[in-house]
Amino acid sequence: MSTTSEPIGVFDSGVGGLSVLKHLVRILPNERYIYLGDTARVPYGNKSEETICEYTEQAVKFLVQHNAKLIIIACNTASAIALKVAESISNVPVIGMIIPAAKAAVATTQNGKIGVIGTRATIGSKAYPKTIAANKRDNDIEVIGQACPLFVPLAEEGFHLHPSAELIINEYLSPLSDAKIDTLVLGCTHYPLLAPLIQKRLPTVKLIDCGEYAAKEAISMLENMQLLSPAHTSESLPEISFYLTDNTPLFPEIAERFLGFHISKPERISLEH
């Protein structure tokens, strides 16, 4: 039986899950967190389904062993391919990225044209079109998917605001602009790092940050389970333990830029043993 003092586990293939953690810390500042980044094996988007399921299973087992009361798969690729695997081995609830973002996109679109950008694996899985179709209103909705495989390396290497990123973004997003979408799901948690340039390319399009809606789902779930951590009596920084499968030099810099405060030194771990 979980208790209110136990942490929320957040798992991603690399730095992208920090965008989800940012929303969680904002919405649930009194919680403890474990952040697990599989930085040694990023990106997941060009891996086979079997490998993605294997990596996800290893990560979920790690978070369960560290007494997470709720697990958030802050990776769209793992959510699209391996959510059922994660749920089958976890003794606590698991939240993925797809369902909350799909529901938000359906509620947001006015013209029924929704764009989804993601890794090749996420787009190839058709998880977003299927979930959007299952949650759509009476009117027809068209989903236009676009794989953007270079976005994750740009984010991981800190090139998310570089002029080269703008050139790549313009190339990838041209078909979505031509399709006259009014809503765009950022179907990878790395992509909020690129959001300023994405919004510049599509200035009238509403961007759906899947991490924001997953965080809202988390607060609702914890409330229903009566597992929300009580408020602190004094202001303090959130308690976050960082675990990485490779201590990449840019991680602390990107994490502190995302979160707005100094982070504890990440601990390097292996998920394969």
C-alpha atoms as a PDB file:
ATOM      1  CA  MET A   1       0.000   0.000   0.000  1.00  0.00           C
ATOM      2  CA  SER A   2       1.484   3.337  -1.067  1.00  0.00           C
ATOM      3  CA  THR A   3       1.699   6.327   1.278  1.00  0.00           C
ATOM      4  CA  THR A   4       1.556  10.086   0.673  1.00  0.00           C
ATOM      5  CA  SER A   5       5.276  10.466   1.435  1.00  0.00           C
ATOM      6  CA  GLU A   6       6.426   8.146  -1.332  1.00  0.00           C
ATOM      7  CA  PRO A   7       7.742   9.676  -4.574  1.00  0.00           C
ATOM      8  CA  ILE A   8       6.327  10.047  -8.051  1.00  0.00           C
ATOM      9  CA  GLY A   9       8.480   8.208 -10.579  1.00  0.00           C
ATOM     10  CA  VAL A  10       9.161   9.901 -13.925  1.00  0.00           C
ATOM     11  CA  PHE A  11      10.839   7.949 -16.707  1.00  0.00           C
ATOM     12  CA  ASP A  12      12.151   9.163 -20.063  1.00  0.00           C
ATOM     13  CA  SER A  13      14.728   8.124 -22.624  1.00  0.00           C
ATOM     14  CA  GLY A  14      16.751  11.274 -21.926  1.00  0.00           C
ATOM     15  CA  VAL A  15      16.226  14.963 -21.148  1.00  0.00           C
ATOM     16  CA  GLY A  16      12.765  15.248 -22.697  1.00  0.00           C
ATOM     17  CA  GLY A  17      11.001  14.097 -19.553  1.00  0.00           C
ATOM     18  CA  LEU A  18      12.273  17.236 -17.838  1.00  0.00           C
ATOM     19  CA  SER A  19       9.483  19.083 -19.657  1.00  0.00           C
ATOM     20  CA  VAL A  20       7.013  16.801 -17.886  1.00  0.00           C
ATOM     21  CA  LEU A  21       8.812  17.147 -14.560  1.00  0.00           C
ATOM     22  CA  LYS A  22       8.615  20.925 -14.921  1.00  0.00           C
ATOM     23  CA  HIS A  23       4.815  20.781 -15.124  1.00  0.00           C
ATOM     24  CA  LEU A  24       4.625  18.286 -12.248  1.00  0.00           C
ATOM     25  CA  VAL A  25       6.739  20.483  -9.971  1.00  0.00           C
ATOM     26  CA  ARG A  26       4.579  23.491 -10.847  1.00  0.00           C
ATOM     27  CA  ILE A  27       1.287  21.701 -10.255  1.00  0.00           C
ATOM     28  CA  LEU A  28       2.428  19.408  -7.418  1.00  0.00           C
ATOM     29  CA  PRO A  29       5.237  21.302  -5.629  1.00  0.00           C
ATOM     30  CA  ASN A  30       4.928  19.331  -2.386  1.00  0.00           C
ATOM     31  CA  GLU A  31       5.674  15.935  -3.897  1.00  0.00           C
ATOM     32  CA  ARG A  32       8.940  14.003  -3.918  1.00  0.00           C
ATOM     33  CA  TYR A  33      10.180  12.834  -7.319  1.00  0.00           C
ATOM     34  CA  ILE A  34      12.467  10.249  -8.852  1.00  0.00           C
ATOM     35  CA  TYR A  35      13.601  11.134 -12.361  1.00  0.00           C
ATOM     36  CA  LEU A  36      15.039   8.316 -14.445  1.00  0.00           C
ATOM     37  CA  GLY A  37      16.664   9.209 -17.769  1.00  0.00           C
ATOM     38  CA  ASP A  38      17.902   6.396 -19.989  1.00  0.00           C
ATOM     39  CA  THR A  39      20.526   8.720 -21.466  1.00  0.00           C
ATOM     40  CA  ALA A  40      22.865   5.889 -22.480  1.00  0.00           C
ATOM     41  CA  ARG A  41      20.287   4.470 -24.891  1.00  0.00           C
ATOM     42  CA  VAL A  42      18.507   7.585 -26.204  1.00  0.00           C
ATOM     43  CA  PRO A  43      16.756   7.951 -28.629  1.00  0.00           C
ATOM     44  CA  TYR A  44      14.041   5.315 -28.408  1.00  0.00           C
ATOM     45  CA  GLY A  45      12.310   6.458 -31.587  1.00  0.00           C
ATOM     46  CA  ASN A  46      14.536   4.468 -33.941  1.00  0.00           C
ATOM     47  CA  LYS A  47      14.463   1.249 -31.872  1.00  0.00           C
ATOM     48  CA  SER A  48      12.370  -1.876 -32.501  1.00  0.00           C
ATOM     49  CA  GLU A  49       9.158  -2.432 -30.543  1.00  0.00           C
ATOM     50  CA  GLU A  50      10.771  -5.375 -28.751  1.00  0.00           C
ATOM     51  CA  THR A  51      13.669  -3.221 -27.574  1.00  0.00           C
ATOM     52  CA  ILE A  52      11.406  -0.348 -26.495  1.00  0.00           C
ATOM     53  CA  CYS A  53       9.310  -2.775 -24.435  1.00  0.00           C
ATOM     54  CA  GLU A  54      12.454  -4.245 -22.862  1.00  0.00           C
ATOM     55  CA  TYR A  55      13.850  -0.831 -21.924  1.00  0.00           C
ATOM     56  CA  THR A  56      10.496   0.305 -20.539  1.00  0.00           C
ATOM     57  CA  GLU A  57      10.129  -2.842 -18.442  1.00  0.00           C
ATOM     58  CA  GLN A  58      13.584  -2.285 -16.938  1.00  0.00           C
ATOM     59  CA  ALA A  59      12.768   1.343 -16.107  1.00  0.00           C
ATOM     60  CA  VAL A  60       9.409   0.546 -14.524  1.00  0.00           C
ATOM     61  CA  LYS A  61      10.955  -2.173 -12.370  1.00  0.00           C
ATOM     62  CA  PHE A  62      13.575   0.322 -11.176  1.00  0.00           C
ATOM     63  CA  LEU A  63      10.923   2.851 -10.153  1.00  0.00           C
ATOM     64  CA  VAL A  64       8.803   0.192  -8.453  1.00  0.00           C
ATOM     65  CA  GLN A  65      11.864  -0.926  -6.476  1.00  0.00           C
ATOM     66  CA  HIS A  66      12.306   2.696  -5.367  1.00  0.00           C
ATOM     67  CA  ASN A  67       8.748   2.751  -3.975  1.00  0.00           C
ATOM     68  CA  ALA A  68       7.142   5.092  -6.500  1.00  0.00           C
ATOM     69  CA  LYS A  69       3.456   5.642  -5.694  1.00  0.00           C
ATOM     70  CA  LEU A  70       2.721   6.666  -9.287  1.00  0.00           C
ATOM     71  CA  ILE A  71       4.752   6.170 -12.459  1.00  0.00           C
ATOM     72  CA  ILE A  72       4.686   8.592 -15.360  1.00  0.00           C
ATOM     73  CA  ILE A  73       6.164   7.411 -18.655  1.00  0.00           C
ATOM     74  CA  ALA A  74       7.397  10.792 -19.875  1.00  0.00           C
ATOM     75  CA  CYS A  75       8.273   9.387 -23.286  1.00  0.00           C
ATOM     76  CA  ASN A  76       5.779   9.271 -26.126  1.00  0.00           C
ATOM     77  CA  THR A  77       7.566   6.423 -27.868  1.00  0.00           C
ATOM     78  CA  ALA A  78       7.465   4.217 -24.763  1.00  0.00           C
ATOM     79  CA  SER A  79       3.875   5.313 -24.096  1.00  0.00           C
ATOM     80  CA  ALA A  80       2.823   4.409 -27.626  1.00  0.00           C
ATOM     81  CA  ILE A  81       4.593   1.055 -27.751  1.00  0.00           C
ATOM     82  CA  ALA A  82       4.963  -0.223 -24.189  1.00  0.00           C
ATOM     83  CA  LEU A  83       2.261   1.269 -21.936  1.00  0.00           C
ATOM     84  CA  LYS A  84       0.465  -2.060 -21.533  1.00  0.00           C
ATOM     85  CA  VAL A  85       3.769  -3.744 -20.676  1.00  0.00           C
ATOM     86  CA  ALA A  86       4.416  -1.101 -18.023  1.00  0.00           C
ATOM     87  CA  GLU A  87       0.940  -1.474 -16.553  1.00  0.00           C
ATOM     88  CA  SER A  88       1.240  -5.269 -16.436  1.00  0.00           C
ATOM     89  CA  ILE A  89       4.383  -5.246 -14.267  1.00  0.00           C
ATOM     90  CA  SER A  90       3.670  -2.220 -12.066  1.00  0.00           C
ATOM     91  CA  ASN A  91       1.955  -2.465  -8.700  1.00  0.00           C
ATOM     92  CA  VAL A  92       1.053   1.250  -8.886  1.00  0.00           C
ATOM     93  CA  PRO A  93      -0.831   3.262 -11.537  1.00  0.00           C
ATOM     94  CA  VAL A  94       1.015   4.252 -14.713  1.00  0.00           C
ATOM     95  CA  ILE A  95       0.284   7.387 -16.755  1.00  0.00           C
ATOM     96  CA  GLY A  96       1.465   7.661 -20.356  1.00  0.00           C
ATOM     97  CA  MET A  97       1.634  10.668 -22.631  1.00  0.00           C
ATOM     98  CA  ILE A  98      -0.779   9.682 -25.406  1.00  0.00           C
ATOM     99  CA  ILE A  99      -4.247   9.676 -23.835  1.00  0.00           C
ATOM    100  CA  PRO A 100      -4.063  13.030 -21.949  1.00  0.00           C
ATOM    101  CA  ALA A 101      -2.639  14.835 -25.001  1.00  0.00           C
ATOM    102  CA  ALA A 102      -5.105  13.252 -27.420  1.00  0.00           C
ATOM    103  CA  LYS A 103      -8.053  14.318 -25.262  1.00  0.00           C
ATOM    104  CA  ALA A 104      -6.665  17.857 -25.058  1.00  0.00           C
ATOM    105  CA  ALA A 105      -6.220  18.039 -28.837  1.00  0.00           C
ATOM    106  CA  VAL A 106      -9.808  16.934 -29.448  1.00  0.00           C
ATOM    107  CA  ALA A 107     -11.067  19.569 -27.005  1.00  0.00           C
ATOM    108  CA  THR A 108      -8.913  22.289 -28.598  1.00  0.00           C
ATOM    109  CA  THR A 109      -9.327  21.935 -32.369  1.00  0.00           C
ATOM    110  CA  GLN A 110     -11.840  24.162 -34.105  1.00  0.00           C
ATOM    111  CA  ASN A 111     -11.429  23.083 -37.721  1.00  0.00           C
ATOM    112  CA  GLY A 112     -10.919  19.359 -37.063  1.00  0.00           C
ATOM    113  CA  LYS A 113      -7.368  19.281 -38.427  1.00  0.00           C
ATOM    114  CA  ILE A 114      -4.890  18.048 -35.810  1.00  0.00           C
ATOM    115  CA  GLY A 115      -1.179  17.665 -36.479  1.00  0.00           C
ATOM    116  CA  VAL A 116       0.992  15.261 -34.505  1.00  0.00           C
ATOM    117  CA  ILE A 117       4.784  15.351 -34.566  1.00  0.00           C
ATOM    118  CA  GLY A 118       6.886  12.644 -32.970  1.00  0.00           C
ATOM    119  CA  THR A 119       9.581  10.038 -33.434  1.00  0.00           C
ATOM    120  CA  ARG A 120       9.321   7.497 -36.223  1.00  0.00           C
ATOM    121  CA  ALA A 121       8.191   4.865 -33.712  1.00  0.00           C
ATOM    122  CA  THR A 122       5.451   7.071 -32.243  1.00  0.00           C
ATOM    123  CA  ILE A 123       4.101   8.148 -35.631  1.00  0.00           C
ATOM    124  CA  GLY A 124       4.399   4.624 -37.026  1.00  0.00           C
ATOM    125  CA  SER A 125       2.450   3.169 -34.105  1.00  0.00           C
ATOM    126  CA  LYS A 126      -0.669   5.215 -35.071  1.00  0.00           C
ATOM    127  CA  ALA A 127      -1.287   5.586 -31.334  1.00  0.00           C
ATOM    128  CA  TYR A 128      -2.367   9.221 -31.601  1.00  0.00           C
ATOM    129  CA  PRO A 129      -4.849   8.818 -34.504  1.00  0.00           C
ATOM    130  CA  LYS A 130      -6.399   5.787 -32.774  1.00  0.00           C
ATOM    131  CA  THR A 131      -6.699   7.559 -29.415  1.00  0.00           C
ATOM    132  CA  ILE A 132      -7.998  10.779 -30.971  1.00  0.00           C
ATOM    133  CA  ALA A 133     -10.603   8.788 -32.926  1.00  0.00           C
ATOM    134  CA  ALA A 134     -11.697   7.084 -29.704  1.00  0.00           C
ATOM    135  CA  ASN A 135     -12.163  10.453 -27.959  1.00  0.00           C
ATOM    136  CA  LYS A 136     -13.462  12.671 -30.761  1.00  0.00           C
ATOM    137  CA  ARG A 137     -16.717  14.556 -30.677  1.00  0.00           C
ATOM    138  CA  ASP A 138     -19.441  14.127 -33.274  1.00  0.00           C
ATOM    139  CA  ASN A 139     -17.594  16.111 -35.936  1.00  0.00           C
ATOM    140  CA  ASP A 140     -14.947  14.595 -38.195  1.00  0.00           C
ATOM    141  CA  ILE A 141     -11.309  14.993 -37.216  1.00  0.00           C
ATOM    142  CA  GLU A 142      -8.364  14.541 -39.542  1.00  0.00           C
ATOM    143  CA  VAL A 143      -4.994  13.661 -37.972  1.00  0.00           C
ATOM    144  CA  ILE A 144      -1.844  14.487 -39.923  1.00  0.00           C
ATOM    145  CA  GLY A 145       1.246  12.808 -38.543  1.00  0.00           C
ATOM    146  CA  GLN A 146       4.818  13.900 -39.206  1.00  0.00           C
ATOM    147  CA  ALA A 147       7.916  12.066 -37.995  1.00  0.00           C
ATOM    148  CA  CYS A 148      10.686  14.445 -36.888  1.00  0.00           C
ATOM    149  CA  PRO A 149      13.650  12.178 -36.099  1.00  0.00           C
ATOM    150  CA  LEU A 150      16.218  14.983 -35.864  1.00  0.00           C
ATOM    151  CA  PHE A 151      14.382  16.879 -33.112  1.00  0.00           C
ATOM    152  CA  VAL A 152      15.537  14.626 -30.253  1.00  0.00           C
ATOM    153  CA  PRO A 153      19.268  14.933 -31.080  1.00  0.00           C
ATOM    154  CA  LEU A 154      18.856  18.707 -31.355  1.00  0.00           C
ATOM    155  CA  ALA A 155      17.323  18.821 -27.882  1.00  0.00           C
ATOM    156  CA  GLU A 156      19.797  16.376 -26.344  1.00  0.00           C
ATOM    157  CA  GLU A 157      22.780  18.322 -27.716  1.00  0.00           C
ATOM    158  CA  GLY A 158      21.463  21.734 -26.664  1.00  0.00           C
ATOM    159  CA  PHE A 159      20.876  22.885 -30.268  1.00  0.00           C
ATOM    160  CA  HIS A 160      17.168  23.557 -29.744  1.00  0.00           C
ATOM    161  CA  LEU A 161      17.500  27.317 -30.411  1.00  0.00           C
ATOM    162  CA  HIS A 162      20.301  27.104 -32.980  1.00  0.00           C
ATOM    163  CA  PRO A 163      19.713  28.462 -36.529  1.00  0.00           C
ATOM    164  CA  SER A 164      20.166  24.922 -37.841  1.00  0.00           C
ATOM    165  CA  ALA A 165      17.186  23.843 -35.747  1.00  0.00           C
ATOM    166  CA  GLU A 166      15.029  26.488 -37.410  1.00  0.00           C
ATOM    167  CA  LEU A 167      15.942  25.172 -40.866  1.00  0.00           C
ATOM    168  CA  ILE A 168      15.070  21.606 -39.874  1.00  0.00           C
ATOM    169  CA  ILE A 169      11.814  22.684 -38.207  1.00  0.00           C
ATOM    170  CA  ASN A 170      10.740  24.601 -41.314  1.00  0.00           C
ATOM    171  CA  GLU A 171      11.390  21.501 -43.441  1.00  0.00           C
ATOM    172  CA  TYR A 172       9.488  19.096 -41.184  1.00  0.00           C
ATOM    173  CA  LEU A 173       6.509  21.362 -40.535  1.00  0.00           C
ATOM    174  CA  SER A 174       5.811  22.472 -44.109  1.00  0.00           C
ATOM    175  CA  PRO A 175       3.325  19.614 -44.774  1.00  0.00           C
ATOM    176  CA  LEU A 176       1.426  20.483 -41.587  1.00  0.00           C
ATOM    177  CA  SER A 177       1.264  24.138 -42.561  1.00  0.00           C
ATOM    178  CA  ASP A 178      -0.016  23.142 -46.001  1.00  0.00           C
ATOM    179  CA  ALA A 179      -2.671  20.947 -44.357  1.00  0.00           C
ATOM    180  CA  LYS A 180      -4.055  23.996 -42.474  1.00  0.00           C
ATOM    181  CA  ILE A 181      -3.931  22.370 -39.039  1.00  0.00           C
ATOM    182  CA  ASP A 182      -5.109  24.510 -36.115  1.00  0.00           C
ATOM    183  CA  THR A 183      -3.790  22.234 -33.343  1.00  0.00           C
ATOM    184  CA  LEU A 184      -0.414  20.509 -33.044  1.00  0.00           C
ATOM    185  CA  VAL A 185       0.428  17.794 -30.543  1.00  0.00           C
ATOM    186  CA  LEU A 186       4.076  17.887 -29.513  1.00  0.00           C
ATOM    187  CA  GLY A 187       4.212  14.104 -29.510  1.00  0.00           C
ATOM    188  CA  CYS A 188       7.602  13.818 -27.859  1.00  0.00           C
ATOM    189  CA  THR A 189       8.585  15.285 -24.510  1.00  0.00           C
ATOM    190  CA  HIS A 190      11.812  16.635 -26.003  1.00  0.00           C
ATOM    191  CA  TYR A 191       9.851  18.893 -28.329  1.00  0.00           C
ATOM    192  CA  PRO A 192       8.832  21.622 -25.824  1.00  0.00           C
ATOM    193  CA  LEU A 193      12.494  22.642 -25.934  1.00  0.00           C
ATOM    194  CA  LEU A 194      11.872  23.471 -29.591  1.00  0.00           C
ATOM    195  CA  ALA A 195       8.466  25.071 -28.966  1.00  0.00           C
ATOM    196  CA  PRO A 196       9.559  28.703 -29.550  1.00  0.00           C
ATOM    197  CA  LEU A 197      10.791  27.847 -33.055  1.00  0.00           C
ATOM    198  CA  ILE A 198       7.822  25.575 -33.738  1.00  0.00           C
ATOM    199  CA  GLN A 199       5.422  28.348 -32.739  1.00  0.00           C
ATOM    200  CA  LYS A 200       7.356  30.793 -34.921  1.00  0.00           C
ATOM    201  CA  ARG A 201       6.827  28.474 -37.911  1.00  0.00           C
ATOM    202  CA  LEU A 202       3.127  27.922 -37.064  1.00  0.00           C
ATOM    203  CA  PRO A 203       2.123  31.180 -35.322  1.00  0.00           C
ATOM    204  CA  THR A 204      -1.655  30.609 -35.333  1.00  0.00           C
ATOM    205  CA  VAL A 205      -1.562  26.959 -34.303  1.00  0.00           C
ATOM    206  CA  LYS A 206      -2.297  25.867 -30.722  1.00  0.00           C
ATOM    207  CA  LEU A 207       0.510  23.680 -29.375  1.00  0.00           C
ATOM    208  CA  ILE A 208      -0.421  20.767 -27.093  1.00  0.00           C
ATOM    209  CA  ASP A 209       2.336  19.977 -24.595  1.00  0.00           C
ATOM    210  CA  CYS A 210       1.652  16.371 -23.602  1.00  0.00           C
ATOM    211  CA  GLY A 211       3.564  16.814 -20.321  1.00  0.00           C
ATOM    212  CA  GLU A 212       1.183  19.512 -19.136  1.00  0.00           C
ATOM    213  CA  TYR A 213      -1.862  17.308 -19.561  1.00  0.00           C
ATOM    214  CA  ALA A 214      -0.137  14.250 -18.094  1.00  0.00           C
ATOM    215  CA  ALA A 215       0.643  16.336 -14.991  1.00  0.00           C
ATOM    216  CA  LYS A 216      -3.030  17.302 -14.696  1.00  0.00           C
ATOM    217  CA  GLU A 217      -3.932  13.612 -14.975  1.00  0.00           C
ATOM    218  CA  ALA A 218      -1.443  12.876 -12.181  1.00  0.00           C
ATOM    219  CA  ILE A 219      -3.002  15.325  -9.733  1.00  0.00           C
ATOM    220  CA  SER A 220      -6.472  13.923 -10.453  1.00  0.00           C
ATOM    221  CA  MET A 221      -5.275  10.357  -9.933  1.00  0.00           C
ATOM    222  CA  LEU A 222      -3.438  11.132  -6.689  1.00  0.00           C
ATOM    223  CA  GLU A 223      -6.474  12.982  -5.363  1.00  0.00           C
ATOM    224  CA  ASN A 224      -8.707   9.995  -6.112  1.00  0.00           C
ATOM    225  CA  MET A 225      -6.257   7.644  -4.378  1.00  0.00           C
ATOM    226  CA  GLN A 226      -5.852  10.086  -1.460  1.00  0.00           C
ATOM    227  CA  LEU A 227      -2.089  10.038  -1.987  1.00  0.00           C
ATOM    228  CA  LEU A 228      -1.350  13.742  -2.423  1.00  0.00           C
ATOM    229  CA  SER A 229       1.557  14.825  -0.250  1.00  0.00           C
ATOM    230  CA  PRO A 230       0.565  17.376   2.422  1.00  0.00           C
ATOM    231  CA  ALA A 231       1.666  20.977   1.966  1.00  0.00           C
ATOM    232  CA  HIS A 232       4.984  22.037   3.451  1.00  0.00           C
ATOM    233  CA  THR A 233       4.992  24.548   6.294  1.00  0.00           C
ATOM    234  CA  SER A 234       7.801  26.546   4.673  1.00  0.00           C
ATOM    235  CA  GLU A 235       8.891  27.235   1.133  1.00  0.00           C
ATOM    236  CA  SER A 236      11.580  24.871  -0.122  1.00  0.00           C
ATOM    237  CA  LEU A 237      12.801  23.373  -3.362  1.00  0.00           C
ATOM    238  CA  PRO A 238      11.150  20.137  -4.493  1.00  0.00           C
ATOM    239  CA  GLU A 239      12.958  16.949  -3.486  1.00  0.00           C
ATOM    240  CA  ILE A 240      14.080  15.274  -6.712  1.00  0.00           C
ATOM    241  CA  SER A 241      16.461  12.348  -7.065  1.00  0.00           C
ATOM    242  CA  PHE A 242      18.005  12.060 -10.521  1.00  0.00           C
ATOM    243  CA  TYR A 243      19.171   8.739 -11.963  1.00  0.00           C
ATOM    244  CA  LEU A 244      20.793   8.486 -15.395  1.00  0.00           C
ATOM    245  CA  THR A 245      22.155   5.526 -17.315  1.00  0.00           C
ATOM    246  CA  ASP A 246      24.904   7.854 -18.568  1.00  0.00           C
ATOM    247  CA  ASN A 247      26.045  11.087 -16.942  1.00  0.00           C
ATOM    248  CA  THR A 248      25.862  13.274 -20.020  1.00  0.00           C
ATOM    249  CA  PRO A 249      27.606  16.647 -19.499  1.00  0.00           C
ATOM    250  CA  LEU A 250      24.685  18.749 -20.729  1.00  0.00           C
ATOM    251  CA  PHE A 251      22.036  17.144 -18.519  1.00  0.00           C
ATOM    252  CA  PRO A 252      22.497  19.342 -15.400  1.00  0.00           C
ATOM    253  CA  GLU A 253      22.598  22.488 -17.530  1.00  0.00           C
ATOM    254  CA  ILE A 254      19.411  21.616 -19.426  1.00  0.00           C
ATOM    255  CA  ALA A 255      17.684  20.427 -16.235  1.00  0.00           C
ATOM    256  CA  GLU A 256      18.440  23.648 -14.373  1.00  0.00           C
ATOM    257  CA  ARG A 257      17.354  25.744 -17.358  1.00  0.00           C
ATOM    258  CA  PHE A 258      14.085  23.804 -17.529  1.00  0.00           C
ATOM    259  CA  LEU A 259      13.325  23.700 -13.813  1.00  0.00           C
ATOM    260  CA  GLY A 260      14.693  27.076 -12.772  1.00  0.00           C
ATOM    261  CA  PHE A 261      16.728  25.854  -9.814  1.00  0.00           C
ATOM    262  CA  HIS A 262      19.913  23.968  -8.999  1.00  0.00           C
ATOM    263  CA  ILE A 263      19.543  20.184  -9.096  1.00  0.00           C
ATOM    264  CA  SER A 264      21.248  17.469  -7.090  1.00  0.00           C
ATOM    265  CA  LYS A 265      24.033  15.537  -8.801  1.00  0.00           C
ATOM    266  CA  PRO A 266      22.545  12.720 -10.902  1.00  0.00           C
ATOM    267  CA  GLU A 267      23.502   9.190  -9.937  1.00  0.00           C
ATOM    268  CA  ARG A 268      24.638   6.899 -12.736  1.00  0.00           C
ATOM    269  CA  ILE A 269      22.925   3.528 -12.726  1.00  0.00           C
ATOM    270  CA  SER A 270      22.528   0.495 -14.986  1.00  0.00           C
ATOM    271  CA  LEU A 271      19.085  -0.780 -15.902  1.00  0.00           C
ATOM    272  CA  GLU A 272      20.405  -3.969 -17.467  1.00  0.00           C
ATOM    273  CA  HIS A 273      21.391  -5.562 -14.146  1.00  0.00           C
END
